Amino acid sequence: MSAFISAAIITHNEARNIERCLNSLIGVVDEIIVVDSGSTDATVDICRRYGCTVTTRAFNGYGSQRQYAAGLANGRYVLSIDADEALSEQLRDNIIALKRRGFTHRMYCFRVVSYVCGTQMTRSGMKPALETRLFDRRYANWDLLAVGERLECPGGVIPSLIAGDLLHYRCREFGELEFKELRNARIRGRLLAEAGIRASAPMRWLRGVSAYVKCQLRDGAILDGEAGRRIARTRFLSTIEAYRVASDIADGKDSK
């Protein structure tokens, strides 16, 4: 008897991306749980058309939102996937084969490959990396970090590798990438403020320059042409924004 898999997706205004994600899940998962944080576009309508179970919940950080979505699953195993991601054909086939054989591990990982404006990235801080996304929810939980969240599993369990790629379509144009990075920077800024970290305007600029240089040289963005330059610029702006938000909060300002 095949195992039961629940997909868990968190969304906010993902009408441009969500159908690609949902189509890649057909025949792989047995239910799709969507936790939406107040989309104003057609995201929720599209999800319901695909038969997803949709719940609305205010966004209070990625970790808690992902864990909430996983908690709504009826399946023992949860596949956590973002609206701007999709399973490759190889990954689809291998997860289906695994379902038929039955799960033998508590956690599974696979390679995540990023695309920026249609180009696969191998540098610029976006090189392919293994991530744990399929897990037995009785043993693994998302930590509650607002950003930079990870799955936690007691006992030092090593995830089993599934061959195939999870395709992460980060943006269709660079403005979209900048918007997402600045949004996450504001979350990081609130975390910095909670930790009592702030920076003067000159120090913010220096840290932004440092992030730009690291992206260009250490992460190889300099070899990625225009895409690398725009990604490095986004790192510069988002670093400055995070420290600006932290400093505004420390000064009692209502930073947005």
C-alpha atoms as a PDB file:
ATOM      1  CA  MET A   1       0.000   0.000   0.000  1.00  0.00           C
ATOM      2  CA  SER A   2       1.387   3.399  -0.985  1.00  0.00           C
ATOM      3  CA  ALA A   3       2.369   5.887   1.692  1.00  0.00           C
ATOM      4  CA  PHE A   4       0.340   9.092   2.154  1.00  0.00           C
ATOM      5  CA  ILE A   5       2.071  12.427   1.516  1.00  0.00           C
ATOM      6  CA  SER A   6       0.729  15.875   2.356  1.00  0.00           C
ATOM      7  CA  ALA A   7       2.189  18.899   0.594  1.00  0.00           C
ATOM      8  CA  ALA A   8       2.388  22.058   2.717  1.00  0.00           C
ATOM      9  CA  ILE A   9       2.647  25.449   0.994  1.00  0.00           C
ATOM     10  CA  ILE A  10       2.641  28.950   2.462  1.00  0.00           C
ATOM     11  CA  THR A  11       1.491  31.689   0.112  1.00  0.00           C
ATOM     12  CA  HIS A  12       1.001  35.412  -0.297  1.00  0.00           C
ATOM     13  CA  ASN A  13       0.162  36.881  -3.710  1.00  0.00           C
ATOM     14  CA  GLU A  14       1.652  33.977  -5.684  1.00  0.00           C
ATOM     15  CA  ALA A  15      -0.834  33.841  -8.552  1.00  0.00           C
ATOM     16  CA  ARG A  16       2.029  34.094 -11.063  1.00  0.00           C
ATOM     17  CA  ASN A  17       3.788  31.036  -9.659  1.00  0.00           C
ATOM     18  CA  ILE A  18       1.395  28.731  -7.857  1.00  0.00           C
ATOM     19  CA  GLU A  19       0.015  26.782 -10.842  1.00  0.00           C
ATOM     20  CA  ARG A  20       3.494  25.606 -11.859  1.00  0.00           C
ATOM     21  CA  CYS A  21       4.029  24.361  -8.320  1.00  0.00           C
ATOM     22  CA  LEU A  22       0.630  22.653  -8.066  1.00  0.00           C
ATOM     23  CA  ASN A  23       0.969  20.966 -11.469  1.00  0.00           C
ATOM     24  CA  SER A  24       4.274  19.438 -10.386  1.00  0.00           C
ATOM     25  CA  LEU A  25       2.557  17.876  -7.353  1.00  0.00           C
ATOM     26  CA  ILE A  26      -0.183  16.075  -9.296  1.00  0.00           C
ATOM     27  CA  GLY A  27       0.200  12.328  -8.838  1.00  0.00           C
ATOM     28  CA  VAL A  28       2.883  12.800  -6.180  1.00  0.00           C
ATOM     29  CA  VAL A  29       1.008  13.972  -3.084  1.00  0.00           C
ATOM     30  CA  ASP A  30      -2.342  12.945  -1.686  1.00  0.00           C
ATOM     31  CA  GLU A  31      -3.417  16.317  -0.329  1.00  0.00           C
ATOM     32  CA  ILE A  32      -2.206  19.900  -0.564  1.00  0.00           C
ATOM     33  CA  ILE A  33      -2.412  22.174   2.467  1.00  0.00           C
ATOM     34  CA  VAL A  34      -2.127  25.884   1.692  1.00  0.00           C
ATOM     35  CA  VAL A  35      -1.729  28.490   4.426  1.00  0.00           C
ATOM     36  CA  ASP A  36      -2.272  31.910   2.893  1.00  0.00           C
ATOM     37  CA  SER A  37      -1.427  35.174   4.631  1.00  0.00           C
ATOM     38  CA  GLY A  38      -4.039  37.398   3.016  1.00  0.00           C
ATOM     39  CA  SER A  39      -3.383  37.330  -0.705  1.00  0.00           C
ATOM     40  CA  THR A  40      -5.101  40.053  -2.707  1.00  0.00           C
ATOM     41  CA  ASP A  41      -4.579  38.395  -6.090  1.00  0.00           C
ATOM     42  CA  ALA A  42      -6.013  35.120  -7.450  1.00  0.00           C
ATOM     43  CA  THR A  43      -3.763  32.833  -5.369  1.00  0.00           C
ATOM     44  CA  VAL A  44      -6.522  31.410  -3.161  1.00  0.00           C
ATOM     45  CA  ASP A  45      -8.954  30.910  -6.063  1.00  0.00           C
ATOM     46  CA  ILE A  46      -6.315  29.013  -8.046  1.00  0.00           C
ATOM     47  CA  CYS A  47      -5.466  26.805  -5.080  1.00  0.00           C
ATOM     48  CA  ARG A  48      -9.111  25.942  -4.459  1.00  0.00           C
ATOM     49  CA  ARG A  49      -9.554  25.128  -8.143  1.00  0.00           C
ATOM     50  CA  TYR A  50      -6.796  22.550  -7.751  1.00  0.00           C
ATOM     51  CA  GLY A  51      -8.551  21.023  -4.751  1.00  0.00           C
ATOM     52  CA  CYS A  52      -6.211  22.405  -2.100  1.00  0.00           C
ATOM     53  CA  THR A  53      -7.296  22.842   1.502  1.00  0.00           C
ATOM     54  CA  VAL A  54      -6.804  26.572   2.082  1.00  0.00           C
ATOM     55  CA  THR A  55      -6.474  28.241   5.482  1.00  0.00           C
ATOM     56  CA  THR A  56      -5.895  31.945   6.081  1.00  0.00           C
ATOM     57  CA  ARG A  57      -3.440  32.919   8.813  1.00  0.00           C
ATOM     58  CA  ALA A  58      -1.605  36.176   9.507  1.00  0.00           C
ATOM     59  CA  PHE A  59       2.087  35.941   8.699  1.00  0.00           C
ATOM     60  CA  ASN A  60       4.343  36.055  11.745  1.00  0.00           C
ATOM     61  CA  GLY A  61       7.550  34.642  10.321  1.00  0.00           C
ATOM     62  CA  TYR A  62       8.466  31.797   7.999  1.00  0.00           C
ATOM     63  CA  GLY A  63       9.252  29.207  10.667  1.00  0.00           C
ATOM     64  CA  SER A  64       5.956  29.451  12.523  1.00  0.00           C
ATOM     65  CA  GLN A  65       3.973  29.637   9.271  1.00  0.00           C
ATOM     66  CA  ARG A  66       5.624  26.498   7.880  1.00  0.00           C
ATOM     67  CA  GLN A  67       5.112  24.628  11.135  1.00  0.00           C
ATOM     68  CA  TYR A  68       1.459  25.654  11.254  1.00  0.00           C
ATOM     69  CA  ALA A  69       0.974  24.349   7.699  1.00  0.00           C
ATOM     70  CA  ALA A  70       2.680  21.057   8.558  1.00  0.00           C
ATOM     71  CA  GLY A  71       0.454  20.735  11.616  1.00  0.00           C
ATOM     72  CA  LEU A  72      -2.661  20.798   9.418  1.00  0.00           C
ATOM     73  CA  ALA A  73      -1.505  17.816   7.371  1.00  0.00           C
ATOM     74  CA  ASN A  74      -3.376  14.535   7.559  1.00  0.00           C
ATOM     75  CA  GLY A  75      -0.449  12.540   6.240  1.00  0.00           C
ATOM     76  CA  ARG A  76       2.429  11.282   8.356  1.00  0.00           C
ATOM     77  CA  TYR A  77       4.876  12.571   5.770  1.00  0.00           C
ATOM     78  CA  VAL A  78       4.926  16.198   4.727  1.00  0.00           C
ATOM     79  CA  LEU A  79       6.511  17.696   1.628  1.00  0.00           C
ATOM     80  CA  SER A  80       7.269  21.352   2.319  1.00  0.00           C
ATOM     81  CA  ILE A  81       7.415  23.336  -0.915  1.00  0.00           C
ATOM     82  CA  ASP A  82       7.149  27.026  -1.764  1.00  0.00           C
ATOM     83  CA  ALA A  83       4.793  28.524  -4.309  1.00  0.00           C
ATOM     84  CA  ASP A  84       7.707  29.576  -6.534  1.00  0.00           C
ATOM     85  CA  GLU A  85       9.180  26.060  -6.549  1.00  0.00           C
ATOM     86  CA  ALA A  86       8.371  22.930  -8.574  1.00  0.00           C
ATOM     87  CA  LEU A  87       9.472  19.306  -8.617  1.00  0.00           C
ATOM     88  CA  SER A  88      11.637  18.228 -11.555  1.00  0.00           C
ATOM     89  CA  GLU A  89      10.476  15.154 -13.486  1.00  0.00           C
ATOM     90  CA  GLN A  90      13.261  13.062 -11.956  1.00  0.00           C
ATOM     91  CA  LEU A  91      12.347  14.138  -8.442  1.00  0.00           C
ATOM     92  CA  ARG A  92       8.658  13.488  -9.129  1.00  0.00           C
ATOM     93  CA  ASP A  93       9.401   9.972 -10.365  1.00  0.00           C
ATOM     94  CA  ASN A  94      11.653   9.157  -7.436  1.00  0.00           C
ATOM     95  CA  ILE A  95       9.216  10.386  -4.794  1.00  0.00           C
ATOM     96  CA  ILE A  96       6.418   8.365  -6.428  1.00  0.00           C
ATOM     97  CA  ALA A  97       8.648   5.260  -6.416  1.00  0.00           C
ATOM     98  CA  LEU A  98       9.501   5.899  -2.763  1.00  0.00           C
ATOM     99  CA  LYS A  99       5.797   6.153  -1.906  1.00  0.00           C
ATOM    100  CA  ARG A 100       5.140   2.787  -3.495  1.00  0.00           C
ATOM    101  CA  ARG A 101       8.000   1.081  -1.644  1.00  0.00           C
ATOM    102  CA  GLY A 102       7.187   2.765   1.642  1.00  0.00           C
ATOM    103  CA  PHE A 103       9.206   5.237   3.667  1.00  0.00           C
ATOM    104  CA  THR A 104      12.163   3.912   5.645  1.00  0.00           C
ATOM    105  CA  HIS A 105      13.621   7.203   6.950  1.00  0.00           C
ATOM    106  CA  ARG A 106      12.292  10.057   9.044  1.00  0.00           C
ATOM    107  CA  MET A 107      13.683  12.794   6.790  1.00  0.00           C
ATOM    108  CA  TYR A 108      14.576  13.089   3.107  1.00  0.00           C
ATOM    109  CA  CYS A 109      16.596  15.719   1.279  1.00  0.00           C
ATOM    110  CA  PHE A 110      17.165  16.636  -2.344  1.00  0.00           C
ATOM    111  CA  ARG A 111      18.959  19.268  -4.360  1.00  0.00           C
ATOM    112  CA  VAL A 112      17.427  22.736  -4.700  1.00  0.00           C
ATOM    113  CA  VAL A 113      18.387  24.579  -7.891  1.00  0.00           C
ATOM    114  CA  SER A 114      17.741  28.317  -8.198  1.00  0.00           C
ATOM    115  CA  TYR A 115      16.705  30.180 -11.335  1.00  0.00           C
ATOM    116  CA  VAL A 116      16.933  33.950 -11.736  1.00  0.00           C
ATOM    117  CA  CYS A 117      15.123  35.460 -14.711  1.00  0.00           C
ATOM    118  CA  GLY A 118      15.098  32.024 -16.355  1.00  0.00           C
ATOM    119  CA  THR A 119      18.819  31.327 -15.874  1.00  0.00           C
ATOM    120  CA  GLN A 120      20.041  28.513 -13.638  1.00  0.00           C
ATOM    121  CA  MET A 121      22.400  29.877 -10.986  1.00  0.00           C
ATOM    122  CA  THR A 122      25.572  28.083  -9.922  1.00  0.00           C
ATOM    123  CA  ARG A 123      27.253  31.039  -8.194  1.00  0.00           C
ATOM    124  CA  SER A 124      26.257  34.421  -6.704  1.00  0.00           C
ATOM    125  CA  GLY A 125      25.389  32.764  -3.392  1.00  0.00           C
ATOM    126  CA  MET A 126      22.718  30.678  -5.114  1.00  0.00           C
ATOM    127  CA  LYS A 127      24.589  27.503  -5.994  1.00  0.00           C
ATOM    128  CA  PRO A 128      22.585  24.257  -5.789  1.00  0.00           C
ATOM    129  CA  ALA A 129      22.334  22.922  -2.247  1.00  0.00           C
ATOM    130  CA  LEU A 130      20.764  19.975  -0.457  1.00  0.00           C
ATOM    131  CA  GLU A 131      17.720  20.804   1.662  1.00  0.00           C
ATOM    132  CA  THR A 132      15.501  18.609   3.818  1.00  0.00           C
ATOM    133  CA  ARG A 133      11.913  19.067   2.653  1.00  0.00           C
ATOM    134  CA  LEU A 134      10.200  15.685   3.055  1.00  0.00           C
ATOM    135  CA  PHE A 135       9.796  14.500   6.623  1.00  0.00           C
ATOM    136  CA  ASP A 136       7.824  12.474   9.143  1.00  0.00           C
ATOM    137  CA  ARG A 137       5.982  15.167  11.071  1.00  0.00           C
ATOM    138  CA  ARG A 138       5.941  13.050  14.228  1.00  0.00           C
ATOM    139  CA  TYR A 139       9.676  13.541  14.585  1.00  0.00           C
ATOM    140  CA  ALA A 140      10.655  16.688  12.683  1.00  0.00           C
ATOM    141  CA  ASN A 141       9.460  20.253  13.195  1.00  0.00           C
ATOM    142  CA  TRP A 142      10.287  23.617  11.726  1.00  0.00           C
ATOM    143  CA  ASP A 143      12.055  25.890  14.155  1.00  0.00           C
ATOM    144  CA  LEU A 144      10.197  29.127  14.798  1.00  0.00           C
ATOM    145  CA  LEU A 145      12.760  31.513  13.333  1.00  0.00           C
ATOM    146  CA  ALA A 146      11.130  34.359  11.456  1.00  0.00           C
ATOM    147  CA  VAL A 147      13.638  33.983   8.598  1.00  0.00           C
ATOM    148  CA  GLY A 148      16.373  31.456   7.897  1.00  0.00           C
ATOM    149  CA  GLU A 149      14.176  28.689   9.309  1.00  0.00           C
ATOM    150  CA  ARG A 150      15.241  25.033   9.341  1.00  0.00           C
ATOM    151  CA  LEU A 151      13.791  21.642  10.102  1.00  0.00           C
ATOM    152  CA  GLU A 152      14.780  20.172  13.452  1.00  0.00           C
ATOM    153  CA  CYS A 153      14.838  16.471  14.243  1.00  0.00           C
ATOM    154  CA  PRO A 154      16.019  15.086  17.609  1.00  0.00           C
ATOM    155  CA  GLY A 155      18.730  12.485  17.760  1.00  0.00           C
ATOM    156  CA  GLY A 156      20.942  13.776  14.975  1.00  0.00           C
ATOM    157  CA  VAL A 157      19.019  12.011  12.193  1.00  0.00           C
ATOM    158  CA  ILE A 158      20.786  12.199   8.818  1.00  0.00           C
ATOM    159  CA  PRO A 159      18.320  12.772   5.949  1.00  0.00           C
ATOM    160  CA  SER A 160      18.221  10.229   3.147  1.00  0.00           C
ATOM    161  CA  LEU A 161      18.969  11.630  -0.319  1.00  0.00           C
ATOM    162  CA  ILE A 162      16.395  11.465  -3.106  1.00  0.00           C
ATOM    163  CA  ALA A 163      17.851  12.012  -6.580  1.00  0.00           C
ATOM    164  CA  GLY A 164      16.331  14.878  -8.536  1.00  0.00           C
ATOM    165  CA  ASP A 165      16.010  18.639  -8.260  1.00  0.00           C
ATOM    166  CA  LEU A 166      13.566  21.001  -6.633  1.00  0.00           C
ATOM    167  CA  LEU A 167      13.438  23.957  -9.024  1.00  0.00           C
ATOM    168  CA  HIS A 168      13.300  27.344  -7.284  1.00  0.00           C
ATOM    169  CA  TYR A 169      12.177  30.124  -9.640  1.00  0.00           C
ATOM    170  CA  ARG A 170      13.255  33.118  -7.586  1.00  0.00           C
ATOM    171  CA  CYS A 171      12.102  35.833  -9.985  1.00  0.00           C
ATOM    172  CA  ARG A 172      11.053  36.670 -13.519  1.00  0.00           C
ATOM    173  CA  GLU A 173      12.657  40.100 -13.400  1.00  0.00           C
ATOM    174  CA  PHE A 174      15.259  41.614 -11.100  1.00  0.00           C
ATOM    175  CA  GLY A 175      12.756  44.002  -9.527  1.00  0.00           C
ATOM    176  CA  GLU A 176      10.885  40.994  -8.135  1.00  0.00           C
ATOM    177  CA  LEU A 177      14.082  39.620  -6.601  1.00  0.00           C
ATOM    178  CA  GLU A 178      14.840  42.990  -5.009  1.00  0.00           C
ATOM    179  CA  PHE A 179      11.302  43.210  -3.603  1.00  0.00           C
ATOM    180  CA  LYS A 180      11.593  39.767  -1.969  1.00  0.00           C
ATOM    181  CA  GLU A 181      15.059  40.431  -0.560  1.00  0.00           C
ATOM    182  CA  LEU A 182      14.019  43.777   0.929  1.00  0.00           C
ATOM    183  CA  ARG A 183      10.917  42.184   2.453  1.00  0.00           C
ATOM    184  CA  ASN A 184      13.074  39.542   4.148  1.00  0.00           C
ATOM    185  CA  ALA A 185      15.579  42.221   5.169  1.00  0.00           C
ATOM    186  CA  ARG A 186      12.855  43.977   7.160  1.00  0.00           C
ATOM    187  CA  ILE A 187      12.181  40.732   9.007  1.00  0.00           C
ATOM    188  CA  ARG A 188      15.905  40.371   9.748  1.00  0.00           C
ATOM    189  CA  GLY A 189      15.931  43.975  10.924  1.00  0.00           C
ATOM    190  CA  ARG A 190      13.289  43.241  13.545  1.00  0.00           C
ATOM    191  CA  LEU A 191      15.341  40.279  14.740  1.00  0.00           C
ATOM    192  CA  LEU A 192      18.436  42.478  14.970  1.00  0.00           C
ATOM    193  CA  ALA A 193      16.451  44.983  17.016  1.00  0.00           C
ATOM    194  CA  GLU A 194      15.284  42.244  19.381  1.00  0.00           C
ATOM    195  CA  ALA A 195      18.921  41.241  19.856  1.00  0.00           C
ATOM    196  CA  GLY A 196      19.876  44.842  20.636  1.00  0.00           C
ATOM    197  CA  ILE A 197      21.901  45.244  17.443  1.00  0.00           C
ATOM    198  CA  ARG A 198      21.882  48.523  15.564  1.00  0.00           C
ATOM    199  CA  ALA A 199      24.217  50.491  13.307  1.00  0.00           C
ATOM    200  CA  SER A 200      24.806  54.132  12.464  1.00  0.00           C
ATOM    201  CA  ALA A 201      24.210  55.289   8.902  1.00  0.00           C
ATOM    202  CA  PRO A 202      27.920  55.102   7.944  1.00  0.00           C
ATOM    203  CA  MET A 203      28.223  51.640   9.490  1.00  0.00           C
ATOM    204  CA  ARG A 204      25.141  50.442   7.600  1.00  0.00           C
ATOM    205  CA  TRP A 205      26.718  51.598   4.364  1.00  0.00           C
ATOM    206  CA  LEU A 206      30.006  49.826   5.176  1.00  0.00           C
ATOM    207  CA  ARG A 207      28.195  46.597   5.971  1.00  0.00           C
ATOM    208  CA  GLY A 208      26.264  46.916   2.745  1.00  0.00           C
ATOM    209  CA  VAL A 209      29.499  47.361   0.798  1.00  0.00           C
ATOM    210  CA  SER A 210      30.971  44.351   2.583  1.00  0.00           C
ATOM    211  CA  ALA A 211      27.954  42.228   1.586  1.00  0.00           C
ATOM    212  CA  TYR A 212      28.319  43.433  -2.020  1.00  0.00           C
ATOM    213  CA  VAL A 213      32.020  42.586  -2.175  1.00  0.00           C
ATOM    214  CA  LYS A 214      31.511  39.147  -0.576  1.00  0.00           C
ATOM    215  CA  CYS A 215      28.804  38.344  -3.092  1.00  0.00           C
ATOM    216  CA  GLN A 216      30.949  39.465  -6.006  1.00  0.00           C
ATOM    217  CA  LEU A 217      34.214  37.826  -4.956  1.00  0.00           C
ATOM    218  CA  ARG A 218      33.541  35.043  -2.449  1.00  0.00           C
ATOM    219  CA  ASP A 219      30.257  33.900  -4.016  1.00  0.00           C
ATOM    220  CA  GLY A 220      31.417  34.397  -7.604  1.00  0.00           C
ATOM    221  CA  ALA A 221      28.794  36.893  -8.715  1.00  0.00           C
ATOM    222  CA  ILE A 222      31.485  38.687 -10.714  1.00  0.00           C
ATOM    223  CA  LEU A 223      31.455  35.686 -13.068  1.00  0.00           C
ATOM    224  CA  ASP A 224      27.704  35.867 -13.629  1.00  0.00           C
ATOM    225  CA  GLY A 225      27.665  39.082 -15.631  1.00  0.00           C
ATOM    226  CA  GLU A 226      24.604  41.302 -15.346  1.00  0.00           C
ATOM    227  CA  ALA A 227      22.732  38.777 -13.209  1.00  0.00           C
ATOM    228  CA  GLY A 228      25.605  38.627 -10.721  1.00  0.00           C
ATOM    229  CA  ARG A 229      25.874  42.403 -10.576  1.00  0.00           C
ATOM    230  CA  ARG A 230      22.156  42.787  -9.888  1.00  0.00           C
ATOM    231  CA  ILE A 231      22.197  40.058  -7.229  1.00  0.00           C
ATOM    232  CA  ALA A 232      25.191  41.675  -5.499  1.00  0.00           C
ATOM    233  CA  ARG A 233      23.426  45.038  -5.631  1.00  0.00           C
ATOM    234  CA  THR A 234      20.386  43.464  -3.983  1.00  0.00           C
ATOM    235  CA  ARG A 235      22.637  42.111  -1.192  1.00  0.00           C
ATOM    236  CA  PHE A 236      23.985  45.630  -0.704  1.00  0.00           C
ATOM    237  CA  LEU A 237      20.513  47.177  -0.475  1.00  0.00           C
ATOM    238  CA  SER A 238      19.010  44.453   1.721  1.00  0.00           C
ATOM    239  CA  THR A 239      21.887  44.616   4.214  1.00  0.00           C
ATOM    240  CA  ILE A 240      21.465  48.370   4.580  1.00  0.00           C
ATOM    241  CA  GLU A 241      17.692  47.928   4.915  1.00  0.00           C
ATOM    242  CA  ALA A 242      17.999  45.333   7.693  1.00  0.00           C
ATOM    243  CA  TYR A 243      20.200  47.594   9.818  1.00  0.00           C
ATOM    244  CA  ARG A 244      18.034  50.639   9.037  1.00  0.00           C
ATOM    245  CA  VAL A 245      14.966  48.844  10.359  1.00  0.00           C
ATOM    246  CA  ALA A 246      16.857  47.703  13.466  1.00  0.00           C
ATOM    247  CA  SER A 247      18.045  51.225  14.174  1.00  0.00           C
ATOM    248  CA  ASP A 248      14.605  52.758  13.571  1.00  0.00           C
ATOM    249  CA  ILE A 249      13.034  50.338  16.046  1.00  0.00           C
ATOM    250  CA  ALA A 250      15.747  51.086  18.597  1.00  0.00           C
ATOM    251  CA  ASP A 251      14.983  54.790  18.170  1.00  0.00           C
ATOM    252  CA  GLY A 252      11.282  54.193  18.726  1.00  0.00           C
ATOM    253  CA  LYS A 253      10.243  54.748  15.123  1.00  0.00           C
ATOM    254  CA  ASP A 254       7.481  52.738  13.463  1.00  0.00           C
ATOM    255  CA  SER A 255       9.701  51.192  10.827  1.00  0.00           C
ATOM    256  CA  LYS A 256       8.030  49.549   7.809  1.00  0.00           C
END
